Amino acid sequence: MDLLDDVLKLVTKFAIIGGGLWLVWGVVVLAGGLKDKNGPALQSGIWQIVGGGMIIAAAALFANVTAA
């Protein structure tokens, strides 16, 4: 059971890190869109930020569910 818990913790950690990187990249895309006044880039950046936040939230929720 310890091995399964360790694997789940590792997967959760990588999902949180991946979501954070996706969120940061969304901020970069959003900033580029704001600089160029590019509507599609603004929309893409906003959705990437939302997606990164949702990945982080889902991974955190999954960590709490598996810890119980």
N, C-alpha and C. Protein backbone atom coordinates (compact mmCIF):
# COMPACT_ATOMS: atom_id res chain seq x y z
N MET A 1 0.82 -1.19 0.00
CA MET A 1 0.00 0.00 0.00
C MET A 1 0.87 1.26 0.00
N ASP A 2 2.06 1.17 0.62
CA ASP A 2 2.95 2.33 0.63
C ASP A 2 3.40 2.72 -0.78
N LEU A 3 3.66 1.72 -1.61
CA LEU A 3 4.10 2.00 -2.97
C LEU A 3 3.01 2.74 -3.75
N LEU A 4 1.78 2.30 -3.60
CA LEU A 4 0.67 2.96 -4.29
C LEU A 4 0.51 4.40 -3.81
N ASP A 5 0.62 4.62 -2.51
CA ASP A 5 0.53 5.98 -1.98
C ASP A 5 1.65 6.87 -2.51
N ASP A 6 2.87 6.31 -2.57
CA ASP A 6 4.00 7.08 -3.09
C ASP A 6 3.81 7.44 -4.56
N VAL A 7 3.29 6.50 -5.33
CA VAL A 7 3.05 6.75 -6.76
C VAL A 7 1.97 7.82 -6.94
N LEU A 8 0.91 7.73 -6.15
CA LEU A 8 -0.16 8.74 -6.25
C LEU A 8 0.33 10.12 -5.83
N LYS A 9 1.16 10.19 -4.81
CA LYS A 9 1.73 11.48 -4.40
C LYS A 9 2.63 12.05 -5.49
N LEU A 10 3.41 11.19 -6.12
CA LEU A 10 4.30 11.64 -7.19
C LEU A 10 3.51 12.15 -8.40
N VAL A 11 2.47 11.41 -8.78
CA VAL A 11 1.63 11.82 -9.91
C VAL A 11 0.94 13.14 -9.59
N THR A 12 0.45 13.28 -8.36
CA THR A 12 -0.20 14.52 -7.96
C THR A 12 0.77 15.68 -8.00
N LYS A 13 1.99 15.46 -7.52
CA LYS A 13 3.00 16.52 -7.52
C LYS A 13 3.31 16.97 -8.94
N PHE A 14 3.48 16.00 -9.86
CA PHE A 14 3.77 16.34 -11.24
C PHE A 14 2.59 17.05 -11.91
N ALA A 15 1.37 16.66 -11.56
CA ALA A 15 0.20 17.33 -12.12
C ALA A 15 0.12 18.78 -11.64
N ILE A 16 0.44 19.03 -10.38
CA ILE A 16 0.43 20.39 -9.86
C ILE A 16 1.53 21.22 -10.53
N ILE A 17 2.70 20.63 -10.69
CA ILE A 17 3.80 21.35 -11.35
C ILE A 17 3.44 21.62 -12.82
N GLY A 18 2.88 20.63 -13.50
CA GLY A 18 2.48 20.81 -14.90
C GLY A 18 1.40 21.87 -15.04
N GLY A 19 0.42 21.86 -14.15
CA GLY A 19 -0.62 22.89 -14.17
C GLY A 19 -0.05 24.27 -13.92
N GLY A 20 0.91 24.36 -13.02
CA GLY A 20 1.56 25.64 -12.75
C GLY A 20 2.32 26.15 -13.96
N LEU A 21 3.03 25.25 -14.63
CA LEU A 21 3.75 25.66 -15.84
C LEU A 21 2.79 26.10 -16.94
N TRP A 22 1.68 25.38 -17.09
CA TRP A 22 0.66 25.73 -18.08
C TRP A 22 0.07 27.11 -17.77
N LEU A 23 -0.17 27.37 -16.48
CA LEU A 23 -0.70 28.66 -16.05
C LEU A 23 0.30 29.78 -16.35
N VAL A 24 1.56 29.56 -16.03
CA VAL A 24 2.59 30.58 -16.29
C VAL A 24 2.73 30.83 -17.78
N TRP A 25 2.69 29.78 -18.59
CA TRP A 25 2.78 29.97 -20.04
C TRP A 25 1.56 30.75 -20.56
N GLY A 26 0.41 30.53 -19.96
CA GLY A 26 -0.79 31.29 -20.31
C GLY A 26 -0.60 32.77 -20.01
N VAL A 27 0.06 33.09 -18.91
CA VAL A 27 0.35 34.49 -18.58
C VAL A 27 1.28 35.09 -19.62
N VAL A 28 2.26 34.32 -20.07
CA VAL A 28 3.19 34.82 -21.10
C VAL A 28 2.43 35.09 -22.41
N VAL A 29 1.55 34.16 -22.80
CA VAL A 29 0.76 34.34 -24.02
C VAL A 29 -0.16 35.55 -23.88
N LEU A 30 -0.79 35.68 -22.71
CA LEU A 30 -1.67 36.83 -22.46
C LEU A 30 -0.90 38.13 -22.54
N ALA A 31 0.27 38.18 -21.96
CA ALA A 31 1.08 39.40 -22.01
C ALA A 31 1.48 39.75 -23.44
N GLY A 32 1.84 38.73 -24.23
CA GLY A 32 2.17 38.97 -25.63
C GLY A 32 0.96 39.48 -26.41
N GLY A 33 -0.21 38.94 -26.11
CA GLY A 33 -1.43 39.40 -26.76
C GLY A 33 -1.78 40.82 -26.37
N LEU A 34 -1.55 41.17 -25.12
CA LEU A 34 -1.82 42.55 -24.67
C LEU A 34 -0.86 43.53 -25.34
N LYS A 35 0.41 43.10 -25.49
CA LYS A 35 1.41 43.98 -26.11
C LYS A 35 1.06 44.25 -27.57
N ASP A 36 0.63 43.21 -28.29
CA ASP A 36 0.34 43.33 -29.71
C ASP A 36 -1.11 43.71 -30.00
N LYS A 37 -1.92 43.77 -28.95
CA LYS A 37 -3.37 44.02 -29.11
C LYS A 37 -3.99 42.98 -30.05
N ASN A 38 -3.67 41.72 -29.77
CA ASN A 38 -4.09 40.59 -30.58
C ASN A 38 -5.20 39.84 -29.85
N GLY A 39 -6.43 39.94 -30.35
CA GLY A 39 -7.58 39.33 -29.69
C GLY A 39 -7.49 37.83 -29.52
N PRO A 40 -7.16 37.06 -30.56
CA PRO A 40 -7.07 35.60 -30.38
C PRO A 40 -6.00 35.18 -29.38
N ALA A 41 -4.89 35.90 -29.33
CA ALA A 41 -3.85 35.58 -28.36
C ALA A 41 -4.33 35.88 -26.94
N LEU A 42 -5.09 36.96 -26.78
CA LEU A 42 -5.66 37.28 -25.47
C LEU A 42 -6.58 36.15 -25.01
N GLN A 43 -7.45 35.71 -25.90
CA GLN A 43 -8.39 34.65 -25.57
C GLN A 43 -7.63 33.35 -25.25
N SER A 44 -6.64 33.03 -26.02
CA SER A 44 -5.86 31.82 -25.80
C SER A 44 -5.14 31.88 -24.46
N GLY A 45 -4.55 33.03 -24.15
CA GLY A 45 -3.85 33.19 -22.88
C GLY A 45 -4.79 33.05 -21.70
N ILE A 46 -5.96 33.66 -21.79
CA ILE A 46 -6.93 33.57 -20.70
C ILE A 46 -7.36 32.12 -20.49
N TRP A 47 -7.64 31.41 -21.59
CA TRP A 47 -8.08 30.02 -21.44
C TRP A 47 -6.96 29.12 -20.93
N GLN A 48 -5.71 29.43 -21.28
CA GLN A 48 -4.60 28.65 -20.74
C GLN A 48 -4.46 28.89 -19.24
N ILE A 49 -4.65 30.12 -18.80
CA ILE A 49 -4.59 30.42 -17.37
C ILE A 49 -5.69 29.67 -16.64
N VAL A 50 -6.90 29.70 -17.18
CA VAL A 50 -8.03 28.99 -16.57
C VAL A 50 -7.74 27.49 -16.54
N GLY A 51 -7.23 26.96 -17.64
CA GLY A 51 -6.92 25.54 -17.70
C GLY A 51 -5.86 25.13 -16.71
N GLY A 52 -4.81 25.94 -16.58
CA GLY A 52 -3.77 25.64 -15.60
C GLY A 52 -4.31 25.65 -14.19
N GLY A 53 -5.16 26.62 -13.90
CA GLY A 53 -5.78 26.68 -12.57
C GLY A 53 -6.66 25.47 -12.30
N MET A 54 -7.37 25.03 -13.32
CA MET A 54 -8.24 23.86 -13.14
C MET A 54 -7.41 22.58 -12.95
N ILE A 55 -6.29 22.47 -13.64
CA ILE A 55 -5.41 21.31 -13.46
C ILE A 55 -4.87 21.29 -12.04
N ILE A 56 -4.43 22.45 -11.55
CA ILE A 56 -3.91 22.53 -10.18
C ILE A 56 -5.00 22.18 -9.17
N ALA A 57 -6.20 22.72 -9.37
CA ALA A 57 -7.30 22.44 -8.45
C ALA A 57 -7.68 20.96 -8.46
N ALA A 58 -7.73 20.37 -9.65
CA ALA A 58 -8.07 18.95 -9.74
C ALA A 58 -7.00 18.08 -9.08
N ALA A 59 -5.74 18.42 -9.27
CA ALA A 59 -4.67 17.64 -8.66
C ALA A 59 -4.70 17.78 -7.14
N ALA A 60 -4.95 18.98 -6.65
CA ALA A 60 -5.05 19.18 -5.20
C ALA A 60 -6.24 18.43 -4.63
N LEU A 61 -7.34 18.46 -5.32
CA LEU A 61 -8.53 17.71 -4.88
C LEU A 61 -8.25 16.22 -4.88
N PHE A 62 -7.59 15.74 -5.93
CA PHE A 62 -7.24 14.33 -6.01
C PHE A 62 -6.32 13.93 -4.87
N ALA A 63 -5.39 14.82 -4.50
CA ALA A 63 -4.47 14.53 -3.39
C ALA A 63 -5.25 14.40 -2.08
N ASN A 64 -6.27 15.24 -1.89
CA ASN A 64 -7.07 15.16 -0.67
C ASN A 64 -7.94 13.92 -0.65
N VAL A 65 -8.46 13.52 -1.79
CA VAL A 65 -9.33 12.35 -1.85
C VAL A 65 -8.52 11.07 -1.60
N THR A 66 -7.34 10.99 -2.18
CA THR A 66 -6.52 9.77 -2.00
C THR A 66 -5.89 9.70 -0.63
N ALA A 67 -5.73 10.83 0.06
CA ALA A 67 -5.12 10.82 1.38
C ALA A 67 -6.07 10.26 2.44
N ALA A 68 -7.36 10.28 2.15
CA ALA A 68 -8.35 9.84 3.16
C ALA A 68 -8.42 8.35 3.30
